[in-house]
Amino acid sequence: MVTADNLNLDVLELIFAHISGHDLVAVSSVSKSFLAGVIPRLYATVYFTAKHAKRYRPGAGIMSPFLTLHNHPDLAVHVRHIDIRCPPFIAVGQVYPSFLSEAADALRVCKNLTSFVCGQKILPALLSSLAGKERLEDVHICAAFTTTQGEMLQKITTLRSLTLDNPSWNVVDSLPRWAQSLQRTLVHLTIFMSQEVNGVVLEALLPMLPRLRGLHIIGCSKASHLVVIKAAAAYTPLLKELSFTIFEITPPTSLLSSPTMNLSCLRHLAIDVRPTSDATALTISSLFISLTSLSTLVLKFSDRQLPIWNSVIETIPLPGAAIAPLKRLALMDCAVSIDTVRKITSRCKDLERLELPLPIKDIRTFAAAISSLTELHTLIDVGDAHASHGPRASLGRDDVSFMMRTCVNLKEIVSDGRMWTGSQKSLCTTITPKRYKANTTRHWFSPLKTDLYPN
């Protein structure tokens, strides 16, 4: 007779792959066979967040997961992802030495590590422990290093994805040399908030990366959108993902005299828009002229009260004129009127995911405006509760139910830290809310994991 306890271990692992969070811990307490089946899933990803940091005390409080891995090296074989979002501090700017020691020891024994995220400036203490990770493919770090530390980082030569936040000039200066050892593997490169990256650096770096399919240069004041576009078109014409920042610009004389992007394979475009003049609208519109294969468009503005320019929306290629229809549109930190929403629905009929500030007080009119989007399944509210004076209205169950009845395929709505999921049963729609916490590690301009752009 087959029981839960004598099921094959492989079968248990397949079952537990559909369980996450606290449920995994609860399942591990059922029996020894369940514990054995849960462990690979339970230790596949190791997080250390602000919640853990507040409770961390050497010899008291909660035990860090890194100390557990150090004490039980047999568990380290299952670890694939490590994400240190917030280390514990003794005082301002001073991390517990015991935590750094535990993390370094754990990293040494995690031989199968494939991705590593470290958002704080603690990586110098862990660099030596990253050596020898032959399966490490994805690194996202705060890269404020000295020259010697930068040289240690260059020993990692298996990366497919590299994200450098606030890199120091030492790291930027060494990037072309590091790229020589990454040219066979690196597919995605992100440089966020650097005052050292410029056209000279990009022209020295990009020719070394022929396999590059994703380039994201955001917040780099010396690398204007013209510099990034020119370098990308010249050295990486097969790019599928591109992000850049538009800083202050000289107004173009006409749409035809504005810069265009000769990137025929581009599927994902994210633009960080700093200026708020009409000249910026003309510049953005000109960029869309040659882009007929975009699947994702993300625009982030610097003024939440600024209405999105109609000219920008009107330049998005119509479904009949595009090689591939737009599937995801995100309009962040700006004001979007109902009339603009109607323009969006008329030009982007195949949208599957829409992210914009929801007009909570006029939500039913908004629902009617997007009702023609028959493929829309996910709606994200990117409005900021602190952007306006007084309390911001919240989305209620009745509003969610009305929107899901109006938009036939709408299944998920995210707003105010909650995710509303709808399921159709008989003739009624069942609405289920649950707490939602956005991924603070992933940058706003990064493609979603569900957006797959084959090389």
Protein backbone atom coordinates (compact mmCIF):
# COMPACT_ATOMS: atom_id res chain seq x y z
CA MET A 1 0.00 0.00 0.00
CA VAL A 2 1.33 3.41 -0.98
CA THR A 3 1.36 6.00 1.78
CA ALA A 4 2.81 9.46 2.07
CA ASP A 5 5.74 8.11 4.06
CA ASN A 6 6.84 5.55 1.46
CA LEU A 7 6.51 7.74 -1.61
CA ASN A 8 9.63 8.00 -3.72
CA LEU A 9 11.84 10.94 -2.67
CA ASP A 10 11.78 12.35 -6.23
CA VAL A 11 7.97 12.40 -6.12
CA LEU A 12 7.99 14.24 -2.80
CA GLU A 13 10.40 16.85 -4.17
CA LEU A 14 8.08 17.45 -7.14
CA ILE A 15 5.13 17.91 -4.78
CA PHE A 16 7.02 20.27 -2.47
CA ALA A 17 8.12 22.39 -5.43
CA HIS A 18 4.59 23.86 -5.33
CA ILE A 19 4.89 24.87 -1.66
CA SER A 20 6.79 27.85 -0.30
CA GLY A 21 7.38 30.01 2.78
CA HIS A 22 6.09 28.92 6.17
CA ASP A 23 4.18 26.01 4.62
CA LEU A 24 7.49 24.34 3.76
CA VAL A 25 8.61 24.56 7.39
CA ALA A 26 5.29 23.10 8.56
CA VAL A 27 5.52 20.21 6.08
CA SER A 28 9.07 19.40 7.23
CA SER A 29 7.70 18.63 10.70
CA VAL A 30 5.32 15.92 9.50
CA SER A 31 7.78 13.04 9.27
CA LYS A 32 11.39 12.16 8.51
CA SER A 33 10.56 11.31 4.89
CA PHE A 34 8.82 14.67 4.44
CA LEU A 35 11.80 16.43 6.01
CA ALA A 36 14.16 14.70 3.56
CA GLY A 37 11.94 15.75 0.65
CA VAL A 38 11.62 19.36 1.85
CA ILE A 39 15.28 20.09 2.59
CA PRO A 40 16.42 20.66 -1.04
CA ARG A 41 13.58 23.15 -1.55
CA LEU A 42 13.93 24.71 1.91
CA TYR A 43 17.63 25.53 1.49
CA ALA A 44 17.66 26.30 -2.25
CA THR A 45 17.37 30.05 -1.49
CA VAL A 46 18.84 31.71 1.59
CA TYR A 47 17.61 35.21 2.43
CA PHE A 48 18.75 37.62 5.12
CA THR A 49 16.46 40.65 5.32
CA ALA A 50 15.80 43.59 7.65
CA LYS A 51 13.41 41.39 9.63
CA HIS A 52 16.22 38.94 10.38
CA ALA A 53 18.72 41.74 11.02
CA LYS A 54 16.56 43.28 13.78
CA ARG A 55 16.48 40.00 15.69
CA TYR A 56 20.09 39.03 15.19
CA ARG A 57 22.26 38.86 18.31
CA PRO A 58 25.44 36.75 18.61
CA GLY A 59 24.72 33.93 21.04
CA ALA A 60 21.08 35.01 21.44
CA GLY A 61 18.11 35.98 19.29
CA ILE A 62 17.63 33.96 16.13
CA MET A 63 20.39 31.89 14.57
CA SER A 64 21.41 33.20 11.17
CA PRO A 65 20.93 30.76 8.26
CA PHE A 66 24.65 31.14 7.53
CA LEU A 67 25.57 29.75 10.94
CA THR A 68 23.26 26.82 10.25
CA LEU A 69 25.06 26.14 6.96
CA HIS A 70 28.43 26.43 8.68
CA ASN A 71 27.38 23.96 11.38
CA HIS A 72 25.75 21.57 8.87
CA PRO A 73 27.85 21.63 5.66
CA ASP A 74 25.75 18.77 4.24
CA LEU A 75 22.88 21.26 3.80
CA ALA A 76 25.05 23.66 1.78
CA VAL A 77 24.96 21.37 -1.26
CA HIS A 78 21.32 22.40 -1.81
CA VAL A 79 21.95 26.17 -1.76
CA ARG A 80 21.58 27.80 -5.18
CA HIS A 81 20.75 31.43 -4.30
CA ILE A 82 21.96 33.73 -1.52
CA ASP A 83 20.40 37.17 -1.02
CA ILE A 84 21.76 39.44 1.73
CA ARG A 85 19.48 42.46 1.65
CA CYS A 86 20.24 43.95 5.06
CA PRO A 87 23.07 42.91 7.41
CA PRO A 88 22.72 43.39 11.18
CA PHE A 89 24.38 46.53 12.56
CA ILE A 90 25.89 47.08 16.01
CA ALA A 91 25.86 50.81 15.36
CA VAL A 92 25.47 53.07 12.35
CA GLY A 93 27.77 51.76 9.63
CA GLN A 94 29.20 48.95 11.79
CA VAL A 95 28.15 45.37 10.99
CA TYR A 96 28.42 42.57 13.52
CA PRO A 97 31.82 40.89 12.89
CA SER A 98 30.29 37.53 13.85
CA PHE A 99 27.72 37.88 11.05
CA LEU A 100 30.41 38.60 8.46
CA SER A 101 32.36 35.57 9.68
CA GLU A 102 29.28 33.33 9.52
CA ALA A 103 28.37 34.55 6.02
CA ALA A 104 31.93 34.09 4.74
CA ASP A 105 32.14 30.56 6.16
CA ALA A 106 28.76 29.64 4.65
CA LEU A 107 29.73 30.99 1.22
CA ARG A 108 32.86 28.82 1.19
CA VAL A 109 30.87 25.60 1.59
CA CYS A 110 28.09 26.52 -0.89
CA LYS A 111 29.83 24.99 -3.91
CA ASN A 112 26.68 24.88 -6.07
CA LEU A 113 25.82 28.57 -5.75
CA THR A 114 24.34 30.00 -8.97
CA SER A 115 23.24 33.50 -7.91
CA PHE A 116 24.43 35.96 -5.27
CA VAL A 117 22.85 39.27 -4.22
CA CYS A 118 24.46 41.63 -1.74
CA GLY A 119 22.84 45.05 -1.56
CA GLN A 120 24.95 46.51 1.24
CA LYS A 121 28.61 47.54 1.34
CA ILE A 122 29.75 44.37 3.10
CA LEU A 123 30.97 42.40 0.10
CA PRO A 124 34.70 43.20 0.59
CA ALA A 125 34.62 40.94 3.67
CA LEU A 126 33.07 38.13 1.59
CA LEU A 127 35.01 38.40 -1.67
CA SER A 128 37.52 35.65 -0.91
CA SER A 129 34.65 33.25 -0.17
CA LEU A 130 33.19 33.73 -3.68
CA ALA A 131 36.31 32.28 -5.29
CA GLY A 132 35.98 28.88 -6.93
CA LYS A 133 32.22 29.02 -7.53
CA GLU A 134 32.19 27.35 -10.94
CA ARG A 135 28.39 27.49 -11.25
CA LEU A 136 27.99 31.14 -10.24
CA GLU A 137 26.10 32.85 -13.09
CA ASP A 138 24.22 35.80 -11.58
CA VAL A 139 25.74 38.50 -9.34
CA HIS A 140 24.02 41.67 -8.09
CA ILE A 141 26.25 43.70 -5.77
CA CYS A 142 27.03 47.13 -4.41
CA ALA A 143 30.43 47.53 -6.08
CA ALA A 144 32.23 50.24 -4.08
CA PHE A 145 35.64 48.51 -4.10
CA THR A 146 39.31 49.36 -3.98
CA THR A 147 41.62 48.35 -6.83
CA THR A 148 42.75 45.19 -4.99
CA GLN A 149 39.17 44.18 -4.22
CA GLY A 150 38.20 44.82 -7.83
CA GLU A 151 40.96 42.46 -8.96
CA MET A 152 39.56 39.74 -6.69
CA LEU A 153 36.15 40.24 -8.26
CA GLN A 154 37.63 39.75 -11.74
CA LYS A 155 38.46 36.15 -10.84
CA ILE A 156 34.77 35.29 -11.26
CA THR A 157 34.64 34.34 -14.94
CA THR A 158 31.42 32.29 -15.29
CA LEU A 159 28.83 35.08 -15.08
CA ARG A 160 25.83 35.36 -17.39
CA SER A 161 24.30 38.32 -15.56
CA LEU A 162 26.16 41.11 -13.75
CA THR A 163 24.58 44.03 -11.87
CA LEU A 164 26.82 46.70 -10.34
CA ASP A 165 25.20 49.26 -8.05
CA ASN A 166 27.19 52.44 -7.26
CA PRO A 167 30.46 51.06 -8.66
CA SER A 168 33.62 52.91 -7.66
CA TRP A 169 35.99 54.29 -10.30
CA ASN A 170 38.32 51.34 -9.62
CA VAL A 171 35.65 48.87 -10.70
CA VAL A 172 34.58 50.91 -13.73
CA ASP A 173 38.20 51.27 -14.84
CA SER A 174 38.70 47.49 -14.65
CA LEU A 175 35.47 46.57 -16.48
CA PRO A 176 37.01 46.28 -19.98
CA ARG A 177 39.68 43.92 -18.62
CA TRP A 178 37.08 41.86 -16.75
CA ALA A 179 34.94 41.74 -19.89
CA GLN A 180 37.71 39.89 -21.73
CA SER A 181 37.26 36.93 -19.41
CA LEU A 182 33.45 37.18 -19.53
CA GLN A 183 33.01 37.57 -23.29
CA ARG A 184 31.93 33.95 -23.78
CA THR A 185 29.33 33.94 -21.01
CA LEU A 186 28.00 37.43 -20.13
CA VAL A 187 24.51 38.06 -21.51
CA HIS A 188 23.14 40.80 -19.21
CA LEU A 189 24.98 43.83 -17.84
CA THR A 190 23.54 46.48 -15.50
CA ILE A 191 25.38 49.54 -14.20
CA PHE A 192 23.32 51.60 -11.77
CA MET A 193 24.22 55.06 -10.45
CA SER A 194 27.82 55.65 -11.51
CA GLN A 195 29.54 58.99 -12.08
CA GLU A 196 32.43 57.30 -13.89
CA VAL A 197 30.73 55.50 -16.78
CA ASN A 198 30.88 57.51 -20.03
CA GLY A 199 31.13 57.01 -23.77
CA VAL A 200 34.82 56.10 -23.62
CA VAL A 201 34.15 53.33 -21.10
CA LEU A 202 31.23 51.93 -23.13
CA GLU A 203 33.20 51.97 -26.39
CA ALA A 204 36.00 50.05 -24.69
CA LEU A 205 33.63 47.64 -22.91
CA LEU A 206 30.90 46.65 -25.36
CA PRO A 207 33.14 45.32 -28.19
CA MET A 208 34.37 42.73 -25.65
CA LEU A 209 30.84 41.39 -25.08
CA PRO A 210 29.53 39.95 -28.37
CA ARG A 211 26.95 37.75 -26.59
CA LEU A 212 25.38 40.67 -24.72
CA ARG A 213 21.59 40.75 -25.04
CA GLY A 214 20.68 43.00 -22.11
CA LEU A 215 22.27 46.40 -21.36
CA HIS A 216 20.99 48.65 -18.57
CA ILE A 217 22.83 51.94 -17.90
CA ILE A 218 20.74 53.93 -15.42
CA GLY A 219 21.56 57.05 -13.41
CA CYS A 220 25.01 57.48 -14.97
CA SER A 221 25.20 61.24 -15.53
CA LYS A 222 28.14 61.07 -17.96
CA ALA A 223 26.45 58.44 -20.12
CA SER A 224 23.53 60.26 -21.76
CA HIS A 225 20.90 58.44 -23.76
CA LEU A 226 22.67 59.48 -26.98
CA VAL A 227 25.94 57.93 -25.78
CA VAL A 228 24.26 54.67 -24.71
CA ILE A 229 22.19 54.34 -27.91
CA LYS A 230 25.21 55.06 -30.14
CA ALA A 231 27.42 52.49 -28.38
CA ALA A 232 24.68 49.85 -28.27
CA ALA A 233 23.84 50.21 -31.96
CA ALA A 234 27.51 50.11 -32.97
CA TYR A 235 28.72 47.16 -30.88
CA THR A 236 25.69 45.16 -29.70
CA PRO A 237 23.08 45.43 -32.50
CA LEU A 238 21.39 42.20 -31.38
CA LEU A 239 20.35 43.63 -28.00
CA LYS A 240 16.97 42.47 -26.74
CA GLU A 241 16.86 44.57 -23.55
CA LEU A 242 17.96 48.20 -23.13
CA SER A 243 17.61 50.76 -20.33
CA PHE A 244 19.00 54.29 -20.10
CA THR A 245 18.43 57.70 -18.53
CA ILE A 246 17.45 60.86 -20.38
CA PHE A 247 19.07 63.86 -18.70
CA GLU A 248 18.74 67.50 -19.74
CA ILE A 249 18.67 67.72 -23.53
CA THR A 250 18.87 70.26 -26.33
CA PRO A 251 15.43 70.53 -27.96
CA PRO A 252 15.39 68.86 -31.40
CA THR A 253 14.12 70.96 -34.29
CA SER A 254 11.72 68.27 -35.46
CA LEU A 255 10.79 64.62 -34.99
CA LEU A 256 12.89 63.63 -38.00
CA SER A 257 16.02 65.32 -36.64
CA SER A 258 15.79 63.47 -33.30
CA PRO A 259 17.93 60.37 -32.58
CA THR A 260 16.51 56.96 -33.48
CA MET A 261 17.48 53.47 -32.35
CA ASN A 262 18.64 51.00 -34.96
CA LEU A 263 18.08 47.95 -32.77
CA SER A 264 15.73 45.71 -34.71
CA CYS A 265 15.79 42.87 -32.13
CA LEU A 266 14.90 45.04 -29.13
CA ARG A 267 12.05 43.57 -27.06
CA HIS A 268 12.40 45.39 -23.72
CA LEU A 269 12.94 49.15 -23.37
CA ALA A 270 13.07 51.08 -20.08
CA ILE A 271 13.67 54.84 -19.93
CA ASP A 272 14.40 56.91 -16.84
CA VAL A 273 13.06 60.35 -17.82
CA ARG A 274 14.56 63.22 -15.79
CA PRO A 275 13.54 66.41 -17.75
CA THR A 276 9.88 67.41 -17.90
CA SER A 277 9.85 69.71 -20.93
CA ASP A 278 7.93 69.18 -24.17
CA ALA A 279 11.27 68.66 -25.91
CA THR A 280 11.64 65.46 -23.91
CA ALA A 281 8.34 64.20 -25.29
CA LEU A 282 9.63 64.78 -28.82
CA THR A 283 12.84 62.92 -28.02
CA ILE A 284 11.02 59.92 -26.55
CA SER A 285 8.60 59.81 -29.47
CA SER A 286 11.45 59.77 -31.97
CA LEU A 287 12.97 56.74 -30.27
CA PHE A 288 9.86 54.67 -30.99
CA ILE A 289 9.87 55.27 -34.74
CA SER A 290 12.15 52.35 -35.61
CA LEU A 291 11.07 50.05 -32.77
CA THR A 292 8.44 47.68 -34.13
CA SER A 293 9.24 44.55 -32.08
CA LEU A 294 8.89 45.88 -28.51
CA SER A 295 7.19 43.54 -26.10
CA THR A 296 7.82 45.61 -22.93
CA LEU A 297 7.93 49.39 -22.46
CA VAL A 298 8.72 50.96 -19.07
CA LEU A 299 8.77 54.75 -18.57
CA LYS A 300 9.69 56.30 -15.23
CA PHE A 301 9.37 60.05 -14.71
CA SER A 302 10.74 62.48 -12.14
CA ASP A 303 7.49 64.34 -11.42
CA ARG A 304 4.48 62.40 -10.13
CA GLN A 305 2.18 65.28 -10.99
CA LEU A 306 3.34 65.43 -14.62
CA PRO A 307 0.68 64.15 -17.06
CA ILE A 308 2.09 61.61 -19.50
CA TRP A 309 2.46 63.24 -22.93
CA ASN A 310 -0.16 62.14 -25.45
CA SER A 311 2.45 62.42 -28.20
CA VAL A 312 4.44 59.64 -26.54
CA ILE A 313 1.46 57.29 -26.43
CA GLU A 314 0.49 58.14 -30.01
CA THR A 315 3.93 57.12 -31.27
CA ILE A 316 3.60 53.55 -29.98
CA PRO A 317 3.20 51.40 -33.11
CA LEU A 318 -0.31 50.16 -33.79
CA PRO A 319 -0.78 46.35 -33.67
CA GLY A 320 -0.94 46.12 -37.46
CA ALA A 321 2.28 48.12 -37.90
CA ALA A 322 4.30 46.20 -35.32
CA ILE A 323 6.22 42.99 -35.88
CA ALA A 324 5.43 41.95 -32.30
CA PRO A 325 2.62 43.48 -30.18
CA LEU A 326 3.31 45.30 -26.92
CA LYS A 327 2.54 42.94 -24.02
CA ARG A 328 3.64 44.95 -20.98
CA LEU A 329 3.39 48.70 -20.39
CA ALA A 330 4.55 50.45 -17.20
CA LEU A 331 4.09 54.19 -16.57
CA MET A 332 5.72 55.10 -13.26
CA ASP A 333 5.80 58.30 -11.19
CA CYS A 334 3.51 60.29 -13.47
CA ALA A 335 -0.17 61.25 -13.79
CA VAL A 336 -2.30 59.19 -16.19
CA SER A 337 -5.74 60.54 -17.09
CA ILE A 338 -8.71 58.44 -18.19
CA ASP A 339 -8.42 59.93 -21.71
CA THR A 340 -4.81 58.77 -21.84
CA VAL A 341 -5.89 55.29 -20.72
CA ARG A 342 -8.36 55.21 -23.62
CA LYS A 343 -5.55 56.14 -26.02
CA ILE A 344 -3.42 53.33 -24.57
CA THR A 345 -6.17 50.76 -25.06
CA SER A 346 -6.72 51.86 -28.65
CA ARG A 347 -3.04 51.44 -29.57
CA CYS A 348 -2.02 48.53 -27.31
CA LYS A 349 -4.86 46.05 -27.76
CA ASP A 350 -2.69 43.02 -26.91
CA LEU A 351 -1.51 44.21 -23.49
CA GLU A 352 -1.24 41.41 -20.93
CA ARG A 353 0.24 43.41 -18.05
CA LEU A 354 -0.43 47.09 -17.26
CA GLU A 355 1.36 49.07 -14.52
CA LEU A 356 0.28 52.64 -13.77
CA PRO A 357 -1.15 54.78 -10.92
CA LEU A 358 -4.74 53.63 -10.49
CA PRO A 359 -7.40 56.37 -10.13
CA ILE A 360 -9.03 54.76 -7.08
CA LYS A 361 -11.78 57.41 -6.80
CA ASP A 362 -12.73 56.93 -10.44
CA ILE A 363 -12.00 53.23 -10.67
CA ARG A 364 -15.21 52.21 -12.43
CA THR A 365 -14.66 54.65 -15.27
CA PHE A 366 -11.10 53.35 -15.46
CA ALA A 367 -12.38 49.77 -15.62
CA ALA A 368 -14.65 50.67 -18.51
CA ALA A 369 -11.70 52.30 -20.30
CA ILE A 370 -9.60 49.12 -20.14
CA SER A 371 -12.46 46.70 -20.79
CA SER A 372 -11.41 46.33 -24.44
CA LEU A 373 -8.06 44.80 -23.40
CA THR A 374 -9.18 41.20 -23.76
CA GLU A 375 -5.69 39.78 -23.13
CA LEU A 376 -5.03 41.76 -19.93
CA HIS A 377 -4.45 39.41 -16.97
CA THR A 378 -2.39 41.52 -14.52
CA LEU A 379 -2.91 45.09 -13.31
CA ILE A 380 -0.34 46.76 -11.02
CA ASP A 381 -1.01 49.98 -9.11
CA VAL A 382 2.28 51.92 -9.00
CA GLY A 383 0.77 54.97 -7.28
CA ASP A 384 2.55 56.21 -4.16
CA ALA A 385 0.48 56.67 -1.01
CA HIS A 386 2.81 59.52 0.04
CA ALA A 387 2.62 61.39 -3.27
CA SER A 388 -0.49 63.38 -2.36
CA HIS A 389 -1.70 65.29 0.70
CA GLY A 390 -4.02 63.40 3.01
CA PRO A 391 -4.82 59.66 3.06
CA ARG A 392 -4.94 57.85 -0.25
CA ALA A 393 -8.06 55.85 -1.05
CA SER A 394 -7.63 52.07 -1.09
CA LEU A 395 -8.97 49.57 -3.54
CA GLY A 396 -11.91 47.62 -2.06
CA ARG A 397 -13.27 44.16 -2.73
CA ASP A 398 -16.31 45.50 -4.59
CA ASP A 399 -14.09 47.57 -6.89
CA VAL A 400 -11.84 44.59 -7.59
CA SER A 401 -14.85 42.36 -8.31
CA PHE A 402 -16.28 44.96 -10.71
CA MET A 403 -12.97 45.29 -12.56
CA MET A 404 -12.59 41.54 -12.96
CA ARG A 405 -16.14 41.22 -14.28
CA THR A 406 -15.56 44.10 -16.70
CA CYS A 407 -12.17 42.82 -17.95
CA VAL A 408 -12.85 39.22 -18.90
CA ASN A 409 -9.28 37.84 -18.50
CA LEU A 410 -8.11 40.01 -15.59
CA LYS A 411 -6.91 37.62 -12.86
CA GLU A 412 -4.51 39.65 -10.66
CA ILE A 413 -4.63 43.18 -9.28
CA VAL A 414 -1.85 44.50 -7.03
CA SER A 415 -2.49 47.64 -4.97
CA ASP A 416 -1.52 48.99 -1.53
CA GLY A 417 0.50 45.93 -0.52
CA ARG A 418 -2.20 43.44 -1.45
CA MET A 419 -2.61 41.06 -4.36
CA TRP A 420 -6.18 40.33 -5.37
CA THR A 421 -6.57 37.06 -7.25
CA GLY A 422 -9.77 36.21 -9.07
CA SER A 423 -11.07 32.82 -10.12
CA GLN A 424 -14.21 32.06 -12.09
CA LYS A 425 -16.56 29.53 -10.51
CA SER A 426 -19.87 28.84 -12.23
CA LEU A 427 -21.34 32.30 -12.86
CA CYS A 428 -19.58 34.15 -10.05
CA THR A 429 -16.05 35.48 -9.57
CA THR A 430 -14.27 34.57 -6.33
CA ILE A 431 -11.86 37.25 -5.08
CA THR A 432 -8.99 36.27 -2.79
CA PRO A 433 -6.71 38.94 -1.25
CA LYS A 434 -3.28 38.22 0.20
CA ARG A 435 -0.35 40.26 1.38
CA TYR A 436 2.02 41.33 -1.38
CA LYS A 437 5.56 42.55 -0.95
CA ALA A 438 7.43 43.80 -3.99
CA ASN A 439 10.90 42.47 -4.72
CA THR A 440 13.14 45.27 -3.47
CA THR A 441 16.27 43.64 -4.89
CA ARG A 442 15.12 43.78 -8.51
CA HIS A 443 15.49 47.19 -10.14
CA TRP A 444 12.37 48.80 -11.60
CA PHE A 445 13.84 48.74 -15.10
CA SER A 446 14.80 45.07 -15.08
CA PRO A 447 12.77 42.60 -17.17
CA LEU A 448 10.44 40.29 -15.28
CA LYS A 449 11.45 36.67 -14.93
CA THR A 450 8.40 35.77 -16.98
CA ASP A 451 9.73 37.86 -19.87
CA LEU A 452 11.84 35.37 -21.78
CA TYR A 453 13.87 36.65 -24.69
CA PRO A 454 15.83 33.70 -26.15
CA ASN A 455 19.41 34.45 -27.21
